[in-house]
C-alpha atoms as a PDB file:
ATOM      1  CA  MET A   1       0.000   0.000   0.000  1.00  0.00           C
ATOM      2  CA  ASN A   2       1.601   3.271  -1.115  1.00  0.00           C
ATOM      3  CA  ASN A   3       1.554   6.470   0.894  1.00  0.00           C
ATOM      4  CA  VAL A   4      -1.136   8.138  -1.221  1.00  0.00           C
ATOM      5  CA  VAL A   5      -3.571   5.246  -0.740  1.00  0.00           C
ATOM      6  CA  LEU A   6      -2.734   5.153   2.967  1.00  0.00           C
ATOM      7  CA  ILE A   7      -3.493   8.855   3.425  1.00  0.00           C
ATOM      8  CA  VAL A   8      -6.689   8.706   1.330  1.00  0.00           C
ATOM      9  CA  THR A   9      -7.916   5.667   3.292  1.00  0.00           C
ATOM     10  CA  LEU A  10      -7.276   7.338   6.647  1.00  0.00           C
ATOM     11  CA  ILE A  11      -8.955  10.586   5.579  1.00  0.00           C
ATOM     12  CA  ALA A  12     -11.954   8.706   4.153  1.00  0.00           C
ATOM     13  CA  GLY A  13     -12.306   6.698   7.364  1.00  0.00           C
ATOM     14  CA  ALA A  14     -12.099   9.811   9.533  1.00  0.00           C
ATOM     15  CA  LEU A  15     -14.705  11.621   7.421  1.00  0.00           C
ATOM     16  CA  VAL A  16     -17.061   8.633   7.534  1.00  0.00           C
ATOM     17  CA  GLY A  17     -16.581   8.370  11.300  1.00  0.00           C
ATOM     18  CA  HIS A  18     -17.330  12.074  11.665  1.00  0.00           C
ATOM     19  CA  GLY A  19     -20.489  11.618   9.632  1.00  0.00           C
ATOM     20  CA  ILE A  20     -21.533   8.659  11.787  1.00  0.00           C
ATOM     21  CA  ARG A  21     -21.274  10.751  14.963  1.00  0.00           C
ATOM     22  CA  TYR A  22     -23.719  13.258  13.476  1.00  0.00           C
ATOM     23  CA  LEU A  23     -25.947  10.642  11.825  1.00  0.00           C
ATOM     24  CA  VAL A  24     -26.594   8.410  14.849  1.00  0.00           C
ATOM     25  CA  PRO A  25     -28.667  10.909  16.931  1.00  0.00           C
ATOM     26  CA  ARG A  26     -30.840  11.610  13.887  1.00  0.00           C
ATOM     27  CA  ALA A  27     -31.277   7.941  12.967  1.00  0.00           C
ATOM     28  CA  LEU A  28     -32.242   7.247  16.589  1.00  0.00           C
ATOM     29  CA  LYS A  29     -34.554  10.298  16.606  1.00  0.00           C
ATOM     30  CA  LEU A  30     -33.017  11.596  19.814  1.00  0.00           C
ATOM     31  CA  LYS A  31     -34.258  14.881  21.217  1.00  0.00           C
ATOM     32  CA  ASP A  32     -30.670  16.042  21.625  1.00  0.00           C
ATOM     33  CA  LYS A  33     -29.091  16.102  18.162  1.00  0.00           C
ATOM     34  CA  LYS A  34     -25.568  16.687  19.464  1.00  0.00           C
ATOM     35  CA  PRO A  35     -23.069  14.097  18.164  1.00  0.00           C
ATOM     36  CA  VAL A  36     -22.676  11.082  20.438  1.00  0.00           C
ATOM     37  CA  PHE A  37     -19.231  10.339  21.879  1.00  0.00           C
ATOM     38  CA  MET A  38     -16.479  12.898  22.033  1.00  0.00           C
ATOM     39  CA  PHE A  39     -14.349  13.915  19.075  1.00  0.00           C
ATOM     40  CA  PRO A  40     -12.173  12.267  17.752  1.00  0.00           C
ATOM     41  CA  TRP A  41     -12.790   8.699  19.036  1.00  0.00           C
ATOM     42  CA  VAL A  42     -15.275   7.543  16.393  1.00  0.00           C
ATOM     43  CA  GLU A  43     -13.182   9.185  13.669  1.00  0.00           C
ATOM     44  CA  LEU A  44     -10.005   7.439  14.832  1.00  0.00           C
ATOM     45  CA  VAL A  45     -11.675   4.031  15.170  1.00  0.00           C
ATOM     46  CA  THR A  46     -13.280   4.244  11.731  1.00  0.00           C
ATOM     47  CA  ALA A  47     -10.030   5.401  10.116  1.00  0.00           C
ATOM     48  CA  GLY A  48      -8.159   2.518  11.750  1.00  0.00           C
ATOM     49  CA  LEU A  49     -10.748  -0.024  10.600  1.00  0.00           C
ATOM     50  CA  PHE A  50     -10.676   1.349   7.050  1.00  0.00           C
ATOM     51  CA  LEU A  51      -6.909   0.960   7.080  1.00  0.00           C
ATOM     52  CA  LEU A  52      -7.263  -2.677   8.181  1.00  0.00           C
ATOM     53  CA  VAL A  53      -9.748  -3.359   5.388  1.00  0.00           C
ATOM     54  CA  ALA A  54      -7.442  -1.827   2.772  1.00  0.00           C
ATOM     55  CA  TRP A  55      -4.455  -3.761   4.145  1.00  0.00           C
ATOM     56  CA  ARG A  56      -6.176  -7.153   4.274  1.00  0.00           C
ATOM     57  CA  LEU A  57      -8.601  -6.964   1.345  1.00  0.00           C
ATOM     58  CA  GLY A  58      -7.091  -4.381  -0.978  1.00  0.00           C
ATOM     59  CA  TYR A  59      -8.930  -1.530  -2.630  1.00  0.00           C
ATOM     60  CA  GLY A  60     -11.036  -1.239  -5.754  1.00  0.00           C
ATOM     61  CA  ILE A  61     -14.652  -1.103  -6.885  1.00  0.00           C
ATOM     62  CA  ALA A  62     -15.411  -4.607  -5.594  1.00  0.00           C
ATOM     63  CA  GLN A  63     -13.907  -3.772  -2.186  1.00  0.00           C
ATOM     64  CA  LEU A  64     -16.104  -0.708  -1.622  1.00  0.00           C
ATOM     65  CA  LYS A  65     -18.776  -2.977  -0.133  1.00  0.00           C
ATOM     66  CA  TRP A  66     -16.414  -3.945   2.705  1.00  0.00           C
ATOM     67  CA  PHE A  67     -15.768  -0.298   3.560  1.00  0.00           C
ATOM     68  CA  PHE A  68     -19.530   0.247   3.533  1.00  0.00           C
ATOM     69  CA  LEU A  69     -20.128  -2.787   5.787  1.00  0.00           C
ATOM     70  CA  THR A  70     -17.417  -1.553   8.147  1.00  0.00           C
ATOM     71  CA  SER A  71     -19.174   1.820   8.327  1.00  0.00           C
ATOM     72  CA  VAL A  72     -22.453   0.057   9.142  1.00  0.00           C
ATOM     73  CA  PHE A  73     -20.788  -1.907  11.954  1.00  0.00           C
ATOM     74  CA  VAL A  74     -19.309   1.294  13.406  1.00  0.00           C
ATOM     75  CA  ALA A  75     -22.687   3.059  13.245  1.00  0.00           C
ATOM     76  CA  ILE A  76     -24.356   0.089  14.962  1.00  0.00           C
ATOM     77  CA  ALA A  77     -21.702   0.012  17.690  1.00  0.00           C
ATOM     78  CA  VAL A  78     -21.989   3.754  18.325  1.00  0.00           C
ATOM     79  CA  SER A  79     -25.785   3.539  18.451  1.00  0.00           C
ATOM     80  CA  ASP A  80     -25.914   0.426  20.654  1.00  0.00           C
ATOM     81  CA  TYR A  81     -23.289   1.670  23.100  1.00  0.00           C
ATOM     82  CA  ALA A  82     -24.973   5.071  23.338  1.00  0.00           C
ATOM     83  CA  THR A  83     -28.589   3.931  23.721  1.00  0.00           C
ATOM     84  CA  LYS A  84     -28.726   0.086  23.690  1.00  0.00           C
ATOM     85  CA  TYR A  85     -30.847   0.423  20.570  1.00  0.00           C
ATOM     86  CA  ILE A  86     -30.080  -0.349  16.911  1.00  0.00           C
ATOM     87  CA  PRO A  87     -32.287   1.547  14.438  1.00  0.00           C
ATOM     88  CA  ASP A  88     -33.714  -0.421  11.518  1.00  0.00           C
ATOM     89  CA  SER A  89     -32.103   2.062   9.135  1.00  0.00           C
ATOM     90  CA  PHE A  90     -28.714   0.549  10.049  1.00  0.00           C
ATOM     91  CA  THR A  91     -29.838  -3.056   9.521  1.00  0.00           C
ATOM     92  CA  LEU A  92     -32.988  -3.799   7.538  1.00  0.00           C
ATOM     93  CA  TYR A  93     -32.467  -0.850   5.206  1.00  0.00           C
ATOM     94  CA  THR A  94     -28.858  -1.831   4.459  1.00  0.00           C
ATOM     95  CA  ALA A  95     -29.574  -5.554   3.952  1.00  0.00           C
ATOM     96  CA  PRO A  96     -30.771  -4.983   0.340  1.00  0.00           C
ATOM     97  CA  VAL A  97     -27.511  -3.123  -0.314  1.00  0.00           C
ATOM     98  CA  GLY A  98     -25.599  -6.152   0.957  1.00  0.00           C
ATOM     99  CA  MET A  99     -27.596  -8.524  -1.225  1.00  0.00           C
ATOM    100  CA  ALA A 100     -27.049  -6.320  -4.280  1.00  0.00           C
ATOM    101  CA  CYS A 101     -23.293  -6.161  -3.598  1.00  0.00           C
ATOM    102  CA  THR A 102     -23.043  -9.944  -3.223  1.00  0.00           C
ATOM    103  CA  ILE A 103     -24.987 -10.470  -6.447  1.00  0.00           C
ATOM    104  CA  LEU A 104     -22.988  -7.904  -8.449  1.00  0.00           C
ATOM    105  CA  PHE A 105     -19.546  -8.719  -6.976  1.00  0.00           C
ATOM    106  CA  PRO A 106     -19.766 -12.337  -5.765  1.00  0.00           C
ATOM    107  CA  GLN A 107     -16.214 -13.510  -6.495  1.00  0.00           C
ATOM    108  CA  ASP A 108     -14.665 -12.926  -3.067  1.00  0.00           C
ATOM    109  CA  VAL A 109     -17.755 -14.160  -1.195  1.00  0.00           C
ATOM    110  CA  ILE A 110     -17.758 -17.378  -3.252  1.00  0.00           C
ATOM    111  CA  ALA A 111     -14.122 -17.982  -2.260  1.00  0.00           C
ATOM    112  CA  MET A 112     -14.785 -17.471   1.458  1.00  0.00           C
ATOM    113  CA  LEU A 113     -14.836 -20.367   3.899  1.00  0.00           C
ATOM    114  CA  GLY A 114     -16.113 -23.254   1.800  1.00  0.00           C
ATOM    115  CA  HIS A 115     -18.881 -21.404  -0.020  1.00  0.00           C
ATOM    116  CA  GLU A 116     -17.807 -23.139  -3.243  1.00  0.00           C
ATOM    117  CA  ARG A 117     -18.549 -26.557  -1.721  1.00  0.00           C
ATOM    118  CA  LEU A 118     -21.855 -25.275  -0.365  1.00  0.00           C
ATOM    119  CA  LEU A 119     -22.882 -24.035  -3.806  1.00  0.00           C
ATOM    120  CA  LEU A 120     -21.994 -27.385  -5.375  1.00  0.00           C
ATOM    121  CA  MET A 121     -24.095 -29.165  -2.733  1.00  0.00           C
ATOM    122  CA  PHE A 122     -27.088 -27.157  -3.968  1.00  0.00           C
ATOM    123  CA  GLY A 123     -26.230 -27.815  -7.602  1.00  0.00           C
ATOM    124  CA  VAL A 124     -24.989 -24.294  -8.345  1.00  0.00           C
ATOM    125  CA  PRO A 125     -21.625 -24.180 -10.182  1.00  0.00           C
ATOM    126  CA  PRO A 126     -19.416 -21.468  -8.598  1.00  0.00           C
ATOM    127  CA  HIS A 127     -18.459 -20.129 -12.039  1.00  0.00           C
ATOM    128  CA  GLN A 128     -22.088 -19.130 -12.642  1.00  0.00           C
ATOM    129  CA  GLU A 129     -21.471 -15.978 -10.655  1.00  0.00           C
ATOM    130  CA  LEU A 130     -24.900 -14.366 -10.944  1.00  0.00           C
ATOM    131  CA  THR A 131     -26.731 -17.473  -9.734  1.00  0.00           C
ATOM    132  CA  ALA A 132     -24.091 -18.108  -7.071  1.00  0.00           C
ATOM    133  CA  GLY A 133     -24.324 -14.517  -5.842  1.00  0.00           C
ATOM    134  CA  ILE A 134     -28.114 -14.678  -5.577  1.00  0.00           C
ATOM    135  CA  MET A 135     -27.859 -17.985  -3.717  1.00  0.00           C
ATOM    136  CA  LEU A 136     -25.261 -16.726  -1.227  1.00  0.00           C
ATOM    137  CA  ALA A 137     -27.031 -13.408  -0.638  1.00  0.00           C
ATOM    138  CA  ILE A 138     -30.391 -15.018   0.135  1.00  0.00           C
ATOM    139  CA  THR A 139     -29.077 -17.947   2.186  1.00  0.00           C
ATOM    140  CA  GLY A 140     -26.635 -15.680   4.030  1.00  0.00           C
ATOM    141  CA  ALA A 141     -29.346 -13.252   5.095  1.00  0.00           C
ATOM    142  CA  ALA A 142     -31.680 -16.108   6.066  1.00  0.00           C
ATOM    143  CA  ALA A 143     -28.969 -17.981   7.991  1.00  0.00           C
ATOM    144  CA  GLY A 144     -27.883 -14.890   9.912  1.00  0.00           C
ATOM    145  CA  PHE A 145     -31.411 -13.976  10.960  1.00  0.00           C
ATOM    146  CA  MET A 146     -32.602 -17.500  11.782  1.00  0.00           C
ATOM    147  CA  MET A 147     -29.484 -18.338  13.794  1.00  0.00           C
ATOM    148  CA  MET A 148     -29.800 -15.275  16.028  1.00  0.00           C
ATOM    149  CA  GLU A 149     -33.578 -15.495  16.311  1.00  0.00           C
ATOM    150  CA  VAL A 150     -33.402 -19.137  17.466  1.00  0.00           C
ATOM    151  CA  ILE A 151     -30.702 -18.265  20.018  1.00  0.00           C
ATOM    152  CA  ARG A 152     -32.693 -15.233  21.175  1.00  0.00           C
ATOM    153  CA  ARG A 153     -35.864 -17.253  21.693  1.00  0.00           C
ATOM    154  CA  ILE A 154     -34.107 -20.156  23.441  1.00  0.00           C
ATOM    155  CA  PHE A 155     -32.278 -17.937  25.925  1.00  0.00           C
ATOM    156  CA  SER A 156     -35.332 -15.766  26.505  1.00  0.00           C
ATOM    157  CA  SER A 157     -37.312 -18.917  27.312  1.00  0.00           C
ATOM    158  CA  LEU A 158     -34.594 -20.346  29.569  1.00  0.00           C
ATOM    159  CA  LEU A 159     -34.023 -17.112  31.468  1.00  0.00           C
ATOM    160  CA  GLN A 160     -37.692 -16.066  31.474  1.00  0.00           C
ATOM    161  CA  MET A 161     -36.663 -12.604  30.318  1.00  0.00           C
ATOM    162  CA  GLU A 162     -35.683 -10.973  27.051  1.00  0.00           C
ATOM    163  CA  ALA A 163     -32.105 -12.133  26.508  1.00  0.00           C
ATOM    164  CA  MET A 164     -31.351  -9.898  23.524  1.00  0.00           C
ATOM    165  CA  GLY A 165     -33.176  -7.564  21.200  1.00  0.00           C
ATOM    166  CA  LEU A 166     -34.557  -8.220  17.743  1.00  0.00           C
ATOM    167  CA  GLY A 167     -32.055  -5.678  16.423  1.00  0.00           C
ATOM    168  CA  ASP A 168     -29.266  -8.229  16.951  1.00  0.00           C
ATOM    169  CA  ALA A 169     -31.060 -10.692  14.659  1.00  0.00           C
ATOM    170  CA  TYR A 170     -31.525  -7.953  12.056  1.00  0.00           C
ATOM    171  CA  LEU A 171     -27.818  -7.130  12.357  1.00  0.00           C
ATOM    172  CA  MET A 172     -26.841 -10.706  11.497  1.00  0.00           C
ATOM    173  CA  LEU A 173     -29.367 -10.739   8.652  1.00  0.00           C
ATOM    174  CA  THR A 174     -27.546  -7.756   7.159  1.00  0.00           C
ATOM    175  CA  ALA A 175     -24.115  -9.277   7.806  1.00  0.00           C
ATOM    176  CA  GLY A 176     -25.225 -12.524   6.159  1.00  0.00           C
ATOM    177  CA  ALA A 177     -26.376 -10.635   3.066  1.00  0.00           C
ATOM    178  CA  PHE A 178     -22.816  -9.316   2.664  1.00  0.00           C
ATOM    179  CA  LEU A 179     -20.800 -12.316   3.884  1.00  0.00           C
ATOM    180  CA  GLY A 180     -22.791 -15.402   2.905  1.00  0.00           C
ATOM    181  CA  PRO A 181     -24.140 -18.216   5.119  1.00  0.00           C
ATOM    182  CA  GLN A 182     -21.012 -19.985   6.354  1.00  0.00           C
ATOM    183  CA  MET A 183     -19.152 -16.786   7.130  1.00  0.00           C
ATOM    184  CA  VAL A 184     -22.006 -15.298   9.147  1.00  0.00           C
ATOM    185  CA  CYS A 185     -22.523 -18.524  11.110  1.00  0.00           C
ATOM    186  CA  PHE A 186     -18.839 -18.889  12.005  1.00  0.00           C
ATOM    187  CA  SER A 187     -18.731 -15.206  12.960  1.00  0.00           C
ATOM    188  CA  LEU A 188     -20.759 -16.072  16.043  1.00  0.00           C
ATOM    189  CA  LEU A 189     -17.727 -17.829  17.592  1.00  0.00           C
ATOM    190  CA  PRO A 190     -15.440 -14.768  17.857  1.00  0.00           C
ATOM    191  CA  ALA A 191     -18.511 -12.609  18.557  1.00  0.00           C
ATOM    192  CA  CYS A 192     -19.359 -14.625  21.678  1.00  0.00           C
ATOM    193  CA  LEU A 193     -15.785 -14.397  22.965  1.00  0.00           C
ATOM    194  CA  ILE A 194     -15.702 -10.649  22.310  1.00  0.00           C
ATOM    195  CA  GLY A 195     -19.148 -10.316  23.902  1.00  0.00           C
ATOM    196  CA  VAL A 196     -18.031 -12.026  27.115  1.00  0.00           C
ATOM    197  CA  ILE A 197     -14.985  -9.753  27.432  1.00  0.00           C
ATOM    198  CA  THR A 198     -16.797  -6.507  26.579  1.00  0.00           C
ATOM    199  CA  GLY A 199     -19.787  -7.542  28.714  1.00  0.00           C
ATOM    200  CA  LEU A 200     -17.612  -7.996  31.792  1.00  0.00           C
ATOM    201  CA  ILE A 201     -15.898  -4.654  31.181  1.00  0.00           C
ATOM    202  CA  TRP A 202     -19.286  -2.970  30.667  1.00  0.00           C
ATOM    203  CA  LYS A 203     -20.689  -4.447  33.870  1.00  0.00           C
ATOM    204  CA  LEU A 204     -17.644  -3.366  35.881  1.00  0.00           C
ATOM    205  CA  LEU A 205     -17.766   0.163  34.475  1.00  0.00           C
ATOM    206  CA  PHE A 206     -21.507   0.827  34.529  1.00  0.00           C
ATOM    207  CA  LYS A 207     -22.876  -1.706  37.080  1.00  0.00           C
ATOM    208  CA  THR A 208     -25.739  -2.728  34.770  1.00  0.00           C
ATOM    209  CA  PRO A 209     -27.056  -6.305  34.321  1.00  0.00           C
ATOM    210  CA  HIS A 210     -26.962  -6.182  30.536  1.00  0.00           C
ATOM    211  CA  ALA A 211     -24.483  -4.969  27.961  1.00  0.00           C
ATOM    212  CA  PRO A 212     -25.056  -4.236  24.269  1.00  0.00           C
ATOM    213  CA  PHE A 213     -24.333  -7.335  22.165  1.00  0.00           C
ATOM    214  CA  GLY A 214     -24.606  -5.649  18.767  1.00  0.00           C
ATOM    215  CA  PRO A 215     -21.038  -4.268  18.805  1.00  0.00           C
ATOM    216  CA  ALA A 216     -19.664  -7.728  19.663  1.00  0.00           C
ATOM    217  CA  LEU A 217     -21.591  -9.259  16.758  1.00  0.00           C
ATOM    218  CA  GLY A 218     -20.222  -6.591  14.434  1.00  0.00           C
ATOM    219  CA  MET A 219     -16.672  -7.135  15.691  1.00  0.00           C
ATOM    220  CA  GLY A 220     -17.081 -10.902  15.276  1.00  0.00           C
ATOM    221  CA  CYS A 221     -18.187 -10.513  11.657  1.00  0.00           C
ATOM    222  CA  PHE A 222     -15.433  -7.972  10.988  1.00  0.00           C
ATOM    223  CA  SER A 223     -12.753 -10.243  12.465  1.00  0.00           C
ATOM    224  CA  MET A 224     -13.967 -13.193  10.349  1.00  0.00           C
ATOM    225  CA  LEU A 225     -13.948 -11.007   7.245  1.00  0.00           C
ATOM    226  CA  LEU A 226     -10.340  -9.948   7.767  1.00  0.00           C
ATOM    227  CA  PHE A 227      -8.763 -12.827   9.692  1.00  0.00           C
ATOM    228  CA  ARG A 228     -10.883 -15.874   8.850  1.00  0.00           C
ATOM    229  CA  ASP A 229      -7.937 -18.122   7.959  1.00  0.00           C
ATOM    230  CA  GLU A 230      -6.102 -17.336  11.194  1.00  0.00           C
ATOM    231  CA  LEU A 231      -9.259 -17.778  13.283  1.00  0.00           C
ATOM    232  CA  ILE A 232     -10.266 -21.071  11.654  1.00  0.00           C
ATOM    233  CA  ASN A 233      -6.711 -22.434  12.018  1.00  0.00           C
ATOM    234  CA  GLY A 234      -6.777 -21.348  15.653  1.00  0.00           C
ATOM    235  CA  PHE A 235     -10.059 -23.208  16.242  1.00  0.00           C
ATOM    236  CA  ILE A 236      -8.644 -26.313  14.539  1.00  0.00           C
ATOM    237  CA  HIS A 237      -5.432 -26.263  16.606  1.00  0.00           C
ATOM    238  CA  TYR A 238      -7.475 -25.716  19.776  1.00  0.00           C
ATOM    239  CA  ASN A 239      -9.672 -28.725  19.006  1.00  0.00           C
ATOM    240  CA  GLU A 240      -6.649 -30.860  18.157  1.00  0.00           C
ATOM    241  CA  ALA A 241      -4.961 -29.905  21.433  1.00  0.00           C
ATOM    242  CA  LEU A 242      -8.181 -30.576  23.315  1.00  0.00           C
ATOM    243  CA  TYR A 243      -8.653 -34.050  21.869  1.00  0.00           C
ATOM    244  CA  ASP A 244      -5.003 -34.908  22.514  1.00  0.00           C
ATOM    245  CA  LEU A 245      -5.742 -34.713  26.241  1.00  0.00           C
ATOM    246  CA  PRO A 246      -6.387 -37.909  28.218  1.00  0.00           C
ATOM    247  CA  PRO A 247     -10.073 -38.940  28.251  1.00  0.00           C
ATOM    248  CA  GLN A 248     -10.314 -38.203  31.987  1.00  0.00           C
ATOM    249  CA  ALA A 249      -9.061 -34.638  31.515  1.00  0.00           C
ATOM    250  CA  LEU A 250     -11.402 -34.101  28.565  1.00  0.00           C
ATOM    251  CA  MET A 251     -14.344 -35.360  30.607  1.00  0.00           C
ATOM    252  CA  ALA A 252     -13.387 -33.124  33.546  1.00  0.00           C
ATOM    253  CA  ILE A 253     -13.158 -30.040  31.311  1.00  0.00           C
ATOM    254  CA  SER A 254     -16.521 -30.866  29.721  1.00  0.00           C
ATOM    255  CA  LEU A 255     -18.199 -31.287  33.110  1.00  0.00           C
ATOM    256  CA  VAL A 256     -16.721 -28.020  34.392  1.00  0.00           C
ATOM    257  CA  LEU A 257     -17.944 -26.110  31.325  1.00  0.00           C
ATOM    258  CA  ILE A 258     -21.416 -27.659  31.567  1.00  0.00           C
ATOM    259  CA  GLY A 259     -21.476 -26.821  35.278  1.00  0.00           C
ATOM    260  CA  VAL A 260     -20.516 -23.207  34.625  1.00  0.00           C
ATOM    261  CA  VAL A 261     -23.262 -22.847  31.998  1.00  0.00           C
ATOM    262  CA  PHE A 262     -25.882 -24.371  34.316  1.00  0.00           C
ATOM    263  CA  PHE A 263     -24.729 -22.151  37.188  1.00  0.00           C
ATOM    264  CA  LEU A 264     -25.000 -19.002  35.082  1.00  0.00           C
ATOM    265  CA  VAL A 265     -28.411 -19.951  33.671  1.00  0.00           C
ATOM    266  CA  ILE A 266     -29.823 -20.815  37.114  1.00  0.00           C
ATOM    267  CA  ARG A 267     -28.318 -17.673  38.645  1.00  0.00           C
ATOM    268  CA  MET A 268     -29.780 -15.446  35.945  1.00  0.00           C
ATOM    269  CA  LYS A 269     -33.117 -17.269  36.101  1.00  0.00           C
ATOM    270  CA  ARG A 270     -33.358 -16.669  39.854  1.00  0.00           C
ATOM    271  CA  ARG A 271     -32.557 -13.010  39.363  1.00  0.00           C
ATOM    272  CA  ALA A 272     -34.657 -12.651  36.216  1.00  0.00           C
ATOM    273  CA  ALA A 273     -37.275 -10.458  37.903  1.00  0.00           C
ATOM    274  CA  GLN A 274     -34.596  -8.168  39.365  1.00  0.00           C
ATOM    275  CA  TYR A 275     -32.680  -7.987  36.082  1.00  0.00           C
ATOM    276  CA  GLU A 276     -35.834  -7.357  34.073  1.00  0.00           C
ATOM    277  CA  ALA A 277     -36.857  -4.540  36.422  1.00  0.00           C
ATOM    278  CA  GLU A 278     -33.394  -2.969  36.126  1.00  0.00           C
ATOM    279  CA  ILE A 279     -33.451  -3.345  32.349  1.00  0.00           C
ATOM    280  CA  GLU A 280     -36.938  -1.821  32.125  1.00  0.00           C
ATOM    281  CA  GLU A 281     -35.802   1.089  34.292  1.00  0.00           C
ATOM    282  CA  ASP A 282     -32.759   1.525  32.076  1.00  0.00           C
ATOM    283  CA  TYR A 283     -34.902   1.581  28.935  1.00  0.00           C
ATOM    284  CA  ASP A 284     -37.426   3.945  30.525  1.00  0.00           C
ATOM    285  CA  GLN A 285     -34.605   6.396  31.169  1.00  0.00           C
ATOM    286  CA  MET A 286     -33.455   6.027  27.566  1.00  0.00           C
ATOM    287  CA  ASN A 287     -36.985   6.481  26.196  1.00  0.00           C
ATOM    288  CA  ASP A 288     -37.061   9.952  27.727  1.00  0.00           C
ATOM    289  CA  LYS A 289     -34.244  10.883  25.344  1.00  0.00           C
ATOM    290  CA  PHE A 290     -36.167   9.852  22.217  1.00  0.00           C
ATOM    291  CA  GLU A 291     -38.589  12.030  20.313  1.00  0.00           C
ATOM    292  CA  SER A 292     -42.222  11.080  20.882  1.00  0.00           C
END
């Protein structure tokens, strides 16, 4: 990457980030239209992410969709962190853009994470790019939404409280439209790890029972887009190391993990009423900031 491209990428990212700070309050229909978050944090983050995209994926007409998707993820993160709400204009309204991009420029999506084999399973030759793009766009959007909606309903039923918002399912629908089915499904793995880390930090900082999950989902999808080979190899090496352990150790680890999950579910279920009341109070305070 030459110096001119580097400078242009950084400036473009900073300008997009600046626009996002002004756009979010209007997309959320907040009473206070002042930009959320202090200058220049959003600008710096967006510029840095644009630089990563250019470094890992290159630059050109076909790559513009990845800069656009990155901008969408930043806007979602800013919105969710600021208000715990993701407007439909950042998800449902951008999903058709993602589908159009995948249909018009399907080459890189076809090459991602076994999509060629998936297309062949459905009788679609990968070299038929228009048909392949339509297939990946539709199945990606459907897979992203259905995966998150099933998880949302299961955890809401287990915990007897709303575990996550519908906006998270819409987010993954949009991501799937850009990335295709296998990419969006595997993105949940790094997203969960990121969500645990950011959730703990959020709880320590703000003492609230729930943290926004949308930014973690966006970061998971972004990390799979840029570092999918490294992440998949890491998962493979982890599994190989795990199965190299003696059966007794493997059983002990499995029991401990199952025990931790049961403990957390039971603990949250017992405190569901308290958590739900705190969450409702939190949302009531936020609703006062929205236009009627």
